[in-house]
Amino acid sequence: GAIIADAAGNITVGGSLVNALGIWTDMTGSL
């Protein structure tokens, strides 16, 4: 399922992003 949060810092995925990534207000880092 989706990855849902209000905010996020750095997100590093070695494999695949399979479903939706929902960051609602602020992403301060990198994807």
ModelCIF file with pLDDT and N, C-alpha, C, O atoms, coordinates in Angstrom:
data_MODEL
#
_entry.id   MODEL 
#
_entity.id                         1 
_entity.type                       polymer 
_entity.pdbx_number_of_molecules   1 
#
_entity_poly.entity_id                      1 
_entity_poly.type                           'polypeptide(L)' 
_entity_poly.nstd_linkage                   no 
_entity_poly.nstd_monomer                   no 
_entity_poly.pdbx_seq_one_letter_code       GAIIADAAGNITVGGSLVNALGIWTDMTGSL 
_entity_poly.pdbx_seq_one_letter_code_can   GAIIADAAGNITVGGSLVNALGIWTDMTGSL 
_entity_poly.pdbx_strand_id                 A 
#
loop_
_entity_poly_seq.entity_id 
_entity_poly_seq.num 
_entity_poly_seq.mon_id 
_entity_poly_seq.hetero 
1 1  GLY n 
1 2  ALA n 
1 3  ILE n 
1 4  ILE n 
1 5  ALA n 
1 6  ASP n 
1 7  ALA n 
1 8  ALA n 
1 9  GLY n 
1 10 ASN n 
1 11 ILE n 
1 12 THR n 
1 13 VAL n 
1 14 GLY n 
1 15 GLY n 
1 16 SER n 
1 17 LEU n 
1 18 VAL n 
1 19 ASN n 
1 20 ALA n 
1 21 LEU n 
1 22 GLY n 
1 23 ILE n 
1 24 TRP n 
1 25 THR n 
1 26 ASP n 
1 27 MET n 
1 28 THR n 
1 29 GLY n 
1 30 SER n 
1 31 LEU n 
#
_struct_asym.id          A 
_struct_asym.entity_id   1 
#
loop_
_ma_qa_metric.id 
_ma_qa_metric.mode 
_ma_qa_metric.name 
_ma_qa_metric.software_group_id 
_ma_qa_metric.type 
1 global pLDDT . pLDDT 
2 local  pLDDT . pLDDT 
#
_ma_qa_metric_global.metric_id      1 
_ma_qa_metric_global.metric_value   94.29 
_ma_qa_metric_global.model_id       1 
_ma_qa_metric_global.ordinal_id     1 
#
loop_
_ma_qa_metric_local.label_asym_id 
_ma_qa_metric_local.label_comp_id 
_ma_qa_metric_local.label_seq_id 
_ma_qa_metric_local.metric_id 
_ma_qa_metric_local.metric_value 
_ma_qa_metric_local.model_id 
_ma_qa_metric_local.ordinal_id 
A GLY 1  2 94.00 1 1  
A ALA 2  2 94.00 1 2  
A ILE 3  2 94.00 1 3  
A ILE 4  2 94.00 1 4  
A ALA 5  2 94.00 1 5  
A ASP 6  2 93.00 1 6  
A ALA 7  2 94.00 1 7  
A ALA 8  2 96.00 1 8  
A GLY 9  2 95.00 1 9  
A ASN 10 2 95.00 1 10 
A ILE 11 2 95.00 1 11 
A THR 12 2 95.00 1 12 
A VAL 13 2 96.00 1 13 
A GLY 14 2 94.00 1 14 
A GLY 15 2 95.00 1 15 
A SER 16 2 96.00 1 16 
A LEU 17 2 96.00 1 17 
A VAL 18 2 96.00 1 18 
A ASN 19 2 94.00 1 19 
A ALA 20 2 93.00 1 20 
A LEU 21 2 94.00 1 21 
A GLY 22 2 94.00 1 22 
A ILE 23 2 94.00 1 23 
A TRP 24 2 92.00 1 24 
A THR 25 2 91.00 1 25 
A ASP 26 2 92.00 1 26 
A MET 27 2 94.00 1 27 
A THR 28 2 94.00 1 28 
A GLY 29 2 95.00 1 29 
A SER 30 2 95.00 1 30 
A LEU 31 2 95.00 1 31 
#
loop_
_atom_site.group_PDB 
_atom_site.id 
_atom_site.type_symbol 
_atom_site.label_atom_id 
_atom_site.label_alt_id 
_atom_site.label_comp_id 
_atom_site.label_asym_id 
_atom_site.label_entity_id 
_atom_site.label_seq_id 
_atom_site.pdbx_PDB_ins_code 
_atom_site.Cartn_x 
_atom_site.Cartn_y 
_atom_site.Cartn_z 
_atom_site.occupancy 
_atom_site.B_iso_or_equiv 
_atom_site.pdbx_formal_charge 
_atom_site.auth_seq_id 
_atom_site.auth_comp_id 
_atom_site.auth_asym_id 
_atom_site.auth_atom_id 
_atom_site.pdbx_PDB_model_num 
ATOM 1   N N  . GLY A 1 1  ? 0.828  -1.205 0.000  1.00 94.00 ? 1  GLY A N  1 
ATOM 2   C CA . GLY A 1 1  ? 0.000  0.000  0.000  1.00 94.00 ? 1  GLY A CA 1 
ATOM 3   C C  . GLY A 1 1  ? 0.860  1.250  0.000  1.00 94.00 ? 1  GLY A C  1 
ATOM 4   O O  . GLY A 1 1  ? 2.087  1.188  -0.080 1.00 94.00 ? 1  GLY A O  1 
ATOM 5   N N  . ALA A 1 2  ? 0.195  2.369  0.090  1.00 94.00 ? 2  ALA A N  1 
ATOM 6   C CA . ALA A 1 2  ? 0.851  3.672  0.003  1.00 94.00 ? 2  ALA A CA 1 
ATOM 7   C C  . ALA A 1 2  ? 1.717  3.958  1.226  1.00 94.00 ? 2  ALA A C  1 
ATOM 8   O O  . ALA A 1 2  ? 1.534  3.370  2.292  1.00 94.00 ? 2  ALA A O  1 
ATOM 9   N N  . ILE A 1 3  ? 2.658  4.869  1.045  1.00 94.00 ? 3  ILE A N  1 
ATOM 10  C CA . ILE A 1 3  ? 3.484  5.394  2.126  1.00 94.00 ? 3  ILE A CA 1 
ATOM 11  C C  . ILE A 1 3  ? 2.964  6.811  2.370  1.00 94.00 ? 3  ILE A C  1 
ATOM 12  O O  . ILE A 1 3  ? 3.186  7.705  1.554  1.00 94.00 ? 3  ILE A O  1 
ATOM 13  N N  . ILE A 1 4  ? 2.277  7.013  3.489  1.00 94.00 ? 4  ILE A N  1 
ATOM 14  C CA . ILE A 1 4  ? 1.582  8.268  3.768  1.00 94.00 ? 4  ILE A CA 1 
ATOM 15  C C  . ILE A 1 4  ? 2.113  8.878  5.063  1.00 94.00 ? 4  ILE A C  1 
ATOM 16  O O  . ILE A 1 4  ? 2.201  8.188  6.079  1.00 94.00 ? 4  ILE A O  1 
ATOM 17  N N  . ALA A 1 5  ? 2.466  10.162 5.039  1.00 94.00 ? 5  ALA A N  1 
ATOM 18  C CA . ALA A 1 5  ? 2.885  10.895 6.232  1.00 94.00 ? 5  ALA A CA 1 
ATOM 19  C C  . ALA A 1 5  ? 2.630  12.381 5.993  1.00 94.00 ? 5  ALA A C  1 
ATOM 20  O O  . ALA A 1 5  ? 2.449  12.824 4.859  1.00 94.00 ? 5  ALA A O  1 
ATOM 21  N N  . ASP A 1 6  ? 2.619  13.138 7.085  1.00 93.00 ? 6  ASP A N  1 
ATOM 22  C CA . ASP A 1 6  ? 2.463  14.590 6.952  1.00 93.00 ? 6  ASP A CA 1 
ATOM 23  C C  . ASP A 1 6  ? 3.726  15.241 6.410  1.00 93.00 ? 6  ASP A C  1 
ATOM 24  O O  . ASP A 1 6  ? 3.658  16.166 5.601  1.00 93.00 ? 6  ASP A O  1 
ATOM 25  N N  . ALA A 1 7  ? 4.882  14.752 6.860  1.00 94.00 ? 7  ALA A N  1 
ATOM 26  C CA . ALA A 1 7  ? 6.153  15.341 6.443  1.00 94.00 ? 7  ALA A CA 1 
ATOM 27  C C  . ALA A 1 7  ? 7.208  14.243 6.388  1.00 94.00 ? 7  ALA A C  1 
ATOM 28  O O  . ALA A 1 7  ? 7.034  13.156 6.939  1.00 94.00 ? 7  ALA A O  1 
ATOM 29  N N  . ALA A 1 8  ? 8.320  14.563 5.702  1.00 96.00 ? 8  ALA A N  1 
ATOM 30  C CA . ALA A 1 8  ? 9.403  13.591 5.598  1.00 96.00 ? 8  ALA A CA 1 
ATOM 31  C C  . ALA A 1 8  ? 10.731 14.299 5.411  1.00 96.00 ? 8  ALA A C  1 
ATOM 32  O O  . ALA A 1 8  ? 10.802 15.420 4.906  1.00 96.00 ? 8  ALA A O  1 
ATOM 33  N N  . GLY A 1 9  ? 11.788 13.605 5.838  1.00 95.00 ? 9  GLY A N  1 
ATOM 34  C CA . GLY A 1 9  ? 13.154 14.040 5.573  1.00 95.00 ? 9  GLY A CA 1 
ATOM 35  C C  . GLY A 1 9  ? 13.673 13.280 4.364  1.00 95.00 ? 9  GLY A C  1 
ATOM 36  O O  . GLY A 1 9  ? 13.016 13.236 3.324  1.00 95.00 ? 9  GLY A O  1 
ATOM 37  N N  . ASN A 1 10 ? 14.843 12.686 4.499  1.00 95.00 ? 10 ASN A N  1 
ATOM 38  C CA . ASN A 1 10 ? 15.429 11.921 3.395  1.00 95.00 ? 10 ASN A CA 1 
ATOM 39  C C  . ASN A 1 10 ? 14.800 10.541 3.293  1.00 95.00 ? 10 ASN A C  1 
ATOM 40  O O  . ASN A 1 10 ? 14.619 9.853  4.298  1.00 95.00 ? 10 ASN A O  1 
ATOM 41  N N  . ILE A 1 11 ? 14.468 10.143 2.064  1.00 95.00 ? 11 ILE A N  1 
ATOM 42  C CA . ILE A 1 11 ? 13.961 8.803  1.791  1.00 95.00 ? 11 ILE A CA 1 
ATOM 43  C C  . ILE A 1 11 ? 14.854 8.184  0.724  1.00 95.00 ? 11 ILE A C  1 
ATOM 44  O O  . ILE A 1 11 ? 14.954 8.692  -0.393 1.00 95.00 ? 11 ILE A O  1 
ATOM 45  N N  . THR A 1 12 ? 15.510 7.060  1.092  1.00 95.00 ? 12 THR A N  1 
ATOM 46  C CA . THR A 1 12 ? 16.398 6.358  0.178  1.00 95.00 ? 12 THR A CA 1 
ATOM 47  C C  . THR A 1 12 ? 15.931 4.918  0.055  1.00 95.00 ? 12 THR A C  1 
ATOM 48  O O  . THR A 1 12 ? 15.844 4.195  1.048  1.00 95.00 ? 12 THR A O  1 
ATOM 49  N N  . VAL A 1 13 ? 15.631 4.509  -1.174 1.00 96.00 ? 13 VAL A N  1 
ATOM 50  C CA . VAL A 1 13 ? 15.105 3.176  -1.460 1.00 96.00 ? 13 VAL A CA 1 
ATOM 51  C C  . VAL A 1 13 ? 16.085 2.497  -2.412 1.00 96.00 ? 13 VAL A C  1 
ATOM 52  O O  . VAL A 1 13 ? 16.314 2.984  -3.519 1.00 96.00 ? 13 VAL A O  1 
ATOM 53  N N  . GLY A 1 14 ? 16.669 1.368  -1.984 1.00 94.00 ? 14 GLY A N  1 
ATOM 54  C CA . GLY A 1 14 ? 17.604 0.655  -2.844 1.00 94.00 ? 14 GLY A CA 1 
ATOM 55  C C  . GLY A 1 14 ? 16.916 -0.054 -3.996 1.00 94.00 ? 14 GLY A C  1 
ATOM 56  O O  . GLY A 1 14 ? 17.486 -0.183 -5.079 1.00 94.00 ? 14 GLY A O  1 
ATOM 57  N N  . GLY A 1 15 ? 15.683 -0.518 -3.763 1.00 95.00 ? 15 GLY A N  1 
ATOM 58  C CA . GLY A 1 15 ? 14.911 -1.217 -4.790 1.00 95.00 ? 15 GLY A CA 1 
ATOM 59  C C  . GLY A 1 15 ? 13.953 -0.269 -5.490 1.00 95.00 ? 15 GLY A C  1 
ATOM 60  O O  . GLY A 1 15 ? 14.339 0.812  -5.935 1.00 95.00 ? 15 GLY A O  1 
ATOM 61  N N  . SER A 1 16 ? 12.687 -0.693 -5.580 1.00 96.00 ? 16 SER A N  1 
ATOM 62  C CA . SER A 1 16 ? 11.675 0.077  -6.313 1.00 96.00 ? 16 SER A CA 1 
ATOM 63  C C  . SER A 1 16 ? 10.672 0.733  -5.377 1.00 96.00 ? 16 SER A C  1 
ATOM 64  O O  . SER A 1 16 ? 10.401 0.231  -4.287 1.00 96.00 ? 16 SER A O  1 
ATOM 65  N N  . LEU A 1 17 ? 10.124 1.863  -5.818 1.00 96.00 ? 17 LEU A N  1 
ATOM 66  C CA . LEU A 1 17 ? 8.982  2.493  -5.169 1.00 96.00 ? 17 LEU A CA 1 
ATOM 67  C C  . LEU A 1 17 ? 7.756  1.924  -5.855 1.00 96.00 ? 17 LEU A C  1 
ATOM 68  O O  . LEU A 1 17 ? 7.455  2.282  -6.994 1.00 96.00 ? 17 LEU A O  1 
ATOM 69  N N  . VAL A 1 18 ? 7.039  1.031  -5.160 1.00 96.00 ? 18 VAL A N  1 
ATOM 70  C CA . VAL A 1 18 ? 6.008  0.220  -5.788 1.00 96.00 ? 18 VAL A CA 1 
ATOM 71  C C  . VAL A 1 18 ? 4.648  0.897  -5.761 1.00 96.00 ? 18 VAL A C  1 
ATOM 72  O O  . VAL A 1 18 ? 3.859  0.712  -6.687 1.00 96.00 ? 18 VAL A O  1 
ATOM 73  N N  . ASN A 1 19 ? 4.351  1.671  -4.735 1.00 94.00 ? 19 ASN A N  1 
ATOM 74  C CA . ASN A 1 19 ? 3.035  2.268  -4.582 1.00 94.00 ? 19 ASN A CA 1 
ATOM 75  C C  . ASN A 1 19 ? 3.175  3.766  -4.358 1.00 94.00 ? 19 ASN A C  1 
ATOM 76  O O  . ASN A 1 19 ? 4.282  4.299  -4.428 1.00 94.00 ? 19 ASN A O  1 
ATOM 77  N N  . ALA A 1 20 ? 2.093  4.436  -4.096 1.00 93.00 ? 20 ALA A N  1 
ATOM 78  C CA . ALA A 1 20 ? 2.089  5.889  -3.945 1.00 93.00 ? 20 ALA A CA 1 
ATOM 79  C C  . ALA A 1 20 ? 2.903  6.342  -2.743 1.00 93.00 ? 20 ALA A C  1 
ATOM 80  O O  . ALA A 1 20 ? 2.947  5.663  -1.717 1.00 93.00 ? 20 ALA A O  1 
ATOM 81  N N  . LEU A 1 21 ? 3.541  7.486  -2.877 1.00 94.00 ? 21 LEU A N  1 
ATOM 82  C CA . LEU A 1 21 ? 4.238  8.152  -1.791 1.00 94.00 ? 21 LEU A CA 1 
ATOM 83  C C  . LEU A 1 21 ? 3.519  9.473  -1.567 1.00 94.00 ? 21 LEU A C  1 
ATOM 84  O O  . LEU A 1 21 ? 3.618  10.380 -2.393 1.00 94.00 ? 21 LEU A O  1 
ATOM 85  N N  . GLY A 1 22 ? 2.795  9.592  -0.457 1.00 94.00 ? 22 GLY A N  1 
ATOM 86  C CA . GLY A 1 22 ? 2.019  10.795 -0.161 1.00 94.00 ? 22 GLY A CA 1 
ATOM 87  C C  . GLY A 1 22 ? 2.583  11.534 1.033  1.00 94.00 ? 22 GLY A C  1 
ATOM 88  O O  . GLY A 1 22 ? 2.362  11.134 2.176  1.00 94.00 ? 22 GLY A O  1 
ATOM 89  N N  . ILE A 1 23 ? 3.309  12.609 0.779  1.00 94.00 ? 23 ILE A N  1 
ATOM 90  C CA . ILE A 1 23 ? 3.814  13.470 1.847  1.00 94.00 ? 23 ILE A CA 1 
ATOM 91  C C  . ILE A 1 23 ? 2.978  14.745 1.779  1.00 94.00 ? 23 ILE A C  1 
ATOM 92  O O  . ILE A 1 23 ? 3.077  15.500 0.811  1.00 94.00 ? 23 ILE A O  1 
ATOM 93  N N  . TRP A 1 24 ? 2.156  14.989 2.800  1.00 92.00 ? 24 TRP A N  1 
ATOM 94  C CA . TRP A 1 24 ? 1.104  15.994 2.703  1.00 92.00 ? 24 TRP A CA 1 
ATOM 95  C C  . TRP A 1 24 ? 1.557  17.424 2.848  1.00 92.00 ? 24 TRP A C  1 
ATOM 96  O O  . TRP A 1 24 ? 1.027  18.292 2.154  1.00 92.00 ? 24 TRP A O  1 
ATOM 97  N N  . THR A 1 25 ? 2.523  17.723 3.724  1.00 91.00 ? 25 THR A N  1 
ATOM 98  C CA . THR A 1 25 ? 2.854  19.126 3.942  1.00 91.00 ? 25 THR A CA 1 
ATOM 99  C C  . THR A 1 25 ? 4.253  19.514 3.507  1.00 91.00 ? 25 THR A C  1 
ATOM 100 O O  . THR A 1 25 ? 4.425  20.542 2.853  1.00 91.00 ? 25 THR A O  1 
ATOM 101 N N  . ASP A 1 26 ? 5.262  18.719 3.853  1.00 92.00 ? 26 ASP A N  1 
ATOM 102 C CA . ASP A 1 26 ? 6.621  19.177 3.616  1.00 92.00 ? 26 ASP A CA 1 
ATOM 103 C C  . ASP A 1 26 ? 7.585  18.001 3.515  1.00 92.00 ? 26 ASP A C  1 
ATOM 104 O O  . ASP A 1 26 ? 7.561  17.095 4.348  1.00 92.00 ? 26 ASP A O  1 
ATOM 105 N N  . MET A 1 27 ? 8.423  18.022 2.500  1.00 94.00 ? 27 MET A N  1 
ATOM 106 C CA . MET A 1 27 ? 9.516  17.061 2.402  1.00 94.00 ? 27 MET A CA 1 
ATOM 107 C C  . MET A 1 27 ? 10.807 17.857 2.409  1.00 94.00 ? 27 MET A C  1 
ATOM 108 O O  . MET A 1 27 ? 11.148 18.519 1.429  1.00 94.00 ? 27 MET A O  1 
ATOM 109 N N  . THR A 1 28 ? 11.525 17.786 3.531  1.00 94.00 ? 28 THR A N  1 
ATOM 110 C CA . THR A 1 28 ? 12.708 18.618 3.715  1.00 94.00 ? 28 THR A CA 1 
ATOM 111 C C  . THR A 1 28 ? 13.972 18.006 3.138  1.00 94.00 ? 28 THR A C  1 
ATOM 112 O O  . THR A 1 28 ? 14.973 18.702 2.967  1.00 94.00 ? 28 THR A O  1 
ATOM 113 N N  . GLY A 1 29 ? 13.940 16.720 2.836  1.00 95.00 ? 29 GLY A N  1 
ATOM 114 C CA . GLY A 1 29 ? 15.121 16.046 2.298  1.00 95.00 ? 29 GLY A CA 1 
ATOM 115 C C  . GLY A 1 29 ? 14.945 15.650 0.855  1.00 95.00 ? 29 GLY A C  1 
ATOM 116 O O  . GLY A 1 29 ? 14.203 16.284 0.104  1.00 95.00 ? 29 GLY A O  1 
ATOM 117 N N  . SER A 1 30 ? 15.637 14.594 0.478  1.00 95.00 ? 30 SER A N  1 
ATOM 118 C CA . SER A 1 30 ? 15.588 14.140 -0.909 1.00 95.00 ? 30 SER A CA 1 
ATOM 119 C C  . SER A 1 30 ? 14.967 12.747 -0.990 1.00 95.00 ? 30 SER A C  1 
ATOM 120 O O  . SER A 1 30 ? 14.922 12.010 -0.005 1.00 95.00 ? 30 SER A O  1 
ATOM 121 N N  . LEU A 1 31 ? 14.495 12.407 -2.180 1.00 95.00 ? 31 LEU A N  1 
ATOM 122 C CA . LEU A 1 31 ? 13.975 11.078 -2.481 1.00 95.00 ? 31 LEU A CA 1 
ATOM 123 C C  . LEU A 1 31 ? 14.913 10.451 -3.499 1.00 95.00 ? 31 LEU A C  1 
ATOM 124 O O  . LEU A 1 31 ? 14.695 9.316  -3.923 1.00 95.00 ? 31 LEU A O  1 
#
